[in-house]
Amino acid sequence: MQKQVMALTRNLLSNGVFNHLSDAALSRMQWLLLTRNNSNVTTQLMQYWYSGNYFTTGAPQDLFHQCNLFLMQAGKPAIDVFMYDETEA
């Protein structure tokens, strides 16, 4: 599962989902992606997924769906996103 989580995180990075994060947070994420033999890497990378910006970056929606599938398989809560409806404003 670690390889899949790392690959998905790289895909999220390349699609700009984490562009709003600080340089320090992005550096930490890059360091985690380079770490191979740490069993905690998967959990730490998944934690970053909760801070992703999945809708304003134009990222493919299947990435969001894949994140939620992995999170639920790991026994973690899915990412909740409430879309803002301009007609209600």
C-alpha atoms as a PDB file:
ATOM      1  CA  MET A   1       0.000   0.000   0.000  1.00  0.00           C
ATOM      2  CA  GLN A   2       2.924   2.345   0.672  1.00  0.00           C
ATOM      3  CA  LYS A   3       3.918   2.443  -2.999  1.00  0.00           C
ATOM      4  CA  GLN A   4       0.362   3.289  -4.062  1.00  0.00           C
ATOM      5  CA  VAL A   5       0.071   6.056  -1.463  1.00  0.00           C
ATOM      6  CA  MET A   6       3.405   7.513  -2.537  1.00  0.00           C
ATOM      7  CA  ALA A   7       2.428   7.372  -6.228  1.00  0.00           C
ATOM      8  CA  LEU A   8      -0.924   9.029  -5.543  1.00  0.00           C
ATOM      9  CA  THR A   9       0.742  11.733  -3.447  1.00  0.00           C
ATOM     10  CA  ARG A  10       3.185  12.450  -6.286  1.00  0.00           C
ATOM     11  CA  ASN A  11       0.247  12.676  -8.675  1.00  0.00           C
ATOM     12  CA  LEU A  12      -1.528  15.096  -6.334  1.00  0.00           C
ATOM     13  CA  LEU A  13       1.628  17.214  -6.146  1.00  0.00           C
ATOM     14  CA  SER A  14       2.016  17.317  -9.920  1.00  0.00           C
ATOM     15  CA  ASN A  15      -1.630  18.392 -10.295  1.00  0.00           C
ATOM     16  CA  GLY A  16      -1.209  21.333  -7.912  1.00  0.00           C
ATOM     17  CA  VAL A  17      -3.425  20.035  -5.113  1.00  0.00           C
ATOM     18  CA  PHE A  18      -0.883  21.156  -2.493  1.00  0.00           C
ATOM     19  CA  ASN A  19       0.267  24.437  -4.078  1.00  0.00           C
ATOM     20  CA  HIS A  20      -1.299  26.441  -1.247  1.00  0.00           C
ATOM     21  CA  LEU A  21       0.855  24.776   1.435  1.00  0.00           C
ATOM     22  CA  SER A  22       3.897  26.477   2.909  1.00  0.00           C
ATOM     23  CA  ASP A  23       7.368  25.757   1.576  1.00  0.00           C
ATOM     24  CA  ALA A  24       8.198  23.975   4.831  1.00  0.00           C
ATOM     25  CA  ALA A  25       5.188  21.653   4.503  1.00  0.00           C
ATOM     26  CA  LEU A  26       6.007  20.909   0.865  1.00  0.00           C
ATOM     27  CA  SER A  27       9.644  20.197   1.759  1.00  0.00           C
ATOM     28  CA  ARG A  28       8.532  17.802   4.485  1.00  0.00           C
ATOM     29  CA  MET A  29       6.233  16.032   2.034  1.00  0.00           C
ATOM     30  CA  GLN A  30       9.044  15.726  -0.523  1.00  0.00           C
ATOM     31  CA  TRP A  31      11.312  14.297   2.182  1.00  0.00           C
ATOM     32  CA  LEU A  32       8.644  11.726   3.098  1.00  0.00           C
ATOM     33  CA  LEU A  33       8.361  10.724  -0.558  1.00  0.00           C
ATOM     34  CA  LEU A  34      12.109  10.034  -0.623  1.00  0.00           C
ATOM     35  CA  THR A  35      11.948   7.923   2.552  1.00  0.00           C
ATOM     36  CA  ARG A  36      11.600   4.259   1.680  1.00  0.00           C
ATOM     37  CA  ASN A  37      11.772   2.065   4.771  1.00  0.00           C
ATOM     38  CA  ASN A  38       9.675   3.942   7.291  1.00  0.00           C
ATOM     39  CA  SER A  39       6.369   2.263   8.108  1.00  0.00           C
ATOM     40  CA  ASN A  40       4.956   5.587   9.289  1.00  0.00           C
ATOM     41  CA  VAL A  41       5.363   7.266   5.875  1.00  0.00           C
ATOM     42  CA  THR A  42       2.008   6.048   4.577  1.00  0.00           C
ATOM     43  CA  THR A  43       0.115   7.494   7.526  1.00  0.00           C
ATOM     44  CA  GLN A  44       1.994  10.786   7.378  1.00  0.00           C
ATOM     45  CA  LEU A  45       1.404  11.223   3.643  1.00  0.00           C
ATOM     46  CA  MET A  46      -2.286  10.405   4.026  1.00  0.00           C
ATOM     47  CA  GLN A  47      -2.508  13.112   6.672  1.00  0.00           C
ATOM     48  CA  TYR A  48      -1.423  15.659   4.054  1.00  0.00           C
ATOM     49  CA  TRP A  49      -4.320  14.601   1.833  1.00  0.00           C
ATOM     50  CA  TYR A  50      -6.767  16.228   4.253  1.00  0.00           C
ATOM     51  CA  SER A  51      -5.220  19.632   3.498  1.00  0.00           C
ATOM     52  CA  GLY A  52      -5.421  19.242  -0.283  1.00  0.00           C
ATOM     53  CA  ASN A  53      -7.235  21.727  -2.492  1.00  0.00           C
ATOM     54  CA  TYR A  54      -9.033  19.330  -4.829  1.00  0.00           C
ATOM     55  CA  PHE A  55     -11.503  21.586  -6.585  1.00  0.00           C
ATOM     56  CA  THR A  56     -10.025  24.991  -7.354  1.00  0.00           C
ATOM     57  CA  THR A  57      -6.812  23.676  -8.897  1.00  0.00           C
ATOM     58  CA  GLY A  58      -8.494  21.882 -11.781  1.00  0.00           C
ATOM     59  CA  ALA A  59      -7.143  18.536 -10.608  1.00  0.00           C
ATOM     60  CA  PRO A  60      -8.915  15.461 -11.998  1.00  0.00           C
ATOM     61  CA  GLN A  61     -11.756  14.433  -9.688  1.00  0.00           C
ATOM     62  CA  ASP A  62     -10.705  10.803  -9.732  1.00  0.00           C
ATOM     63  CA  LEU A  63      -7.692  11.800  -7.601  1.00  0.00           C
ATOM     64  CA  PHE A  64     -10.055  12.948  -4.851  1.00  0.00           C
ATOM     65  CA  HIS A  65     -11.995   9.706  -5.153  1.00  0.00           C
ATOM     66  CA  GLN A  66      -8.801   7.616  -5.000  1.00  0.00           C
ATOM     67  CA  CYS A  67      -7.700   9.446  -1.850  1.00  0.00           C
ATOM     68  CA  ASN A  68     -10.983   8.689  -0.139  1.00  0.00           C
ATOM     69  CA  LEU A  69     -10.818   5.019  -1.154  1.00  0.00           C
ATOM     70  CA  PHE A  70      -7.321   4.624   0.309  1.00  0.00           C
ATOM     71  CA  LEU A  71      -8.288   6.501   3.475  1.00  0.00           C
ATOM     72  CA  MET A  72     -11.353   4.328   4.049  1.00  0.00           C
ATOM     73  CA  GLN A  73      -9.349   1.142   3.385  1.00  0.00           C
ATOM     74  CA  ALA A  74      -6.893   2.289   6.052  1.00  0.00           C
ATOM     75  CA  GLY A  75      -9.750   2.862   8.517  1.00  0.00           C
ATOM     76  CA  LYS A  76      -9.472   6.653   8.383  1.00  0.00           C
ATOM     77  CA  PRO A  77     -12.322   9.088   7.762  1.00  0.00           C
ATOM     78  CA  ALA A  78     -12.956  10.212   4.200  1.00  0.00           C
ATOM     79  CA  ILE A  79     -12.204  13.765   3.146  1.00  0.00           C
ATOM     80  CA  ASP A  80     -15.333  15.879   3.486  1.00  0.00           C
ATOM     81  CA  VAL A  81     -15.715  18.678   1.009  1.00  0.00           C
ATOM     82  CA  PHE A  82     -18.690  20.957   0.885  1.00  0.00           C
ATOM     83  CA  MET A  83     -19.080  22.757  -2.389  1.00  0.00           C
ATOM     84  CA  TYR A  84     -20.128  26.392  -2.185  1.00  0.00           C
ATOM     85  CA  ASP A  85     -23.374  26.981  -4.042  1.00  0.00           C
ATOM     86  CA  GLU A  86     -23.443  30.499  -5.490  1.00  0.00           C
ATOM     87  CA  THR A  87     -27.235  30.421  -5.756  1.00  0.00           C
ATOM     88  CA  GLU A  88     -27.491  30.245  -1.959  1.00  0.00           C
ATOM     89  CA  ALA A  89     -25.403  33.370  -1.430  1.00  0.00           C
END
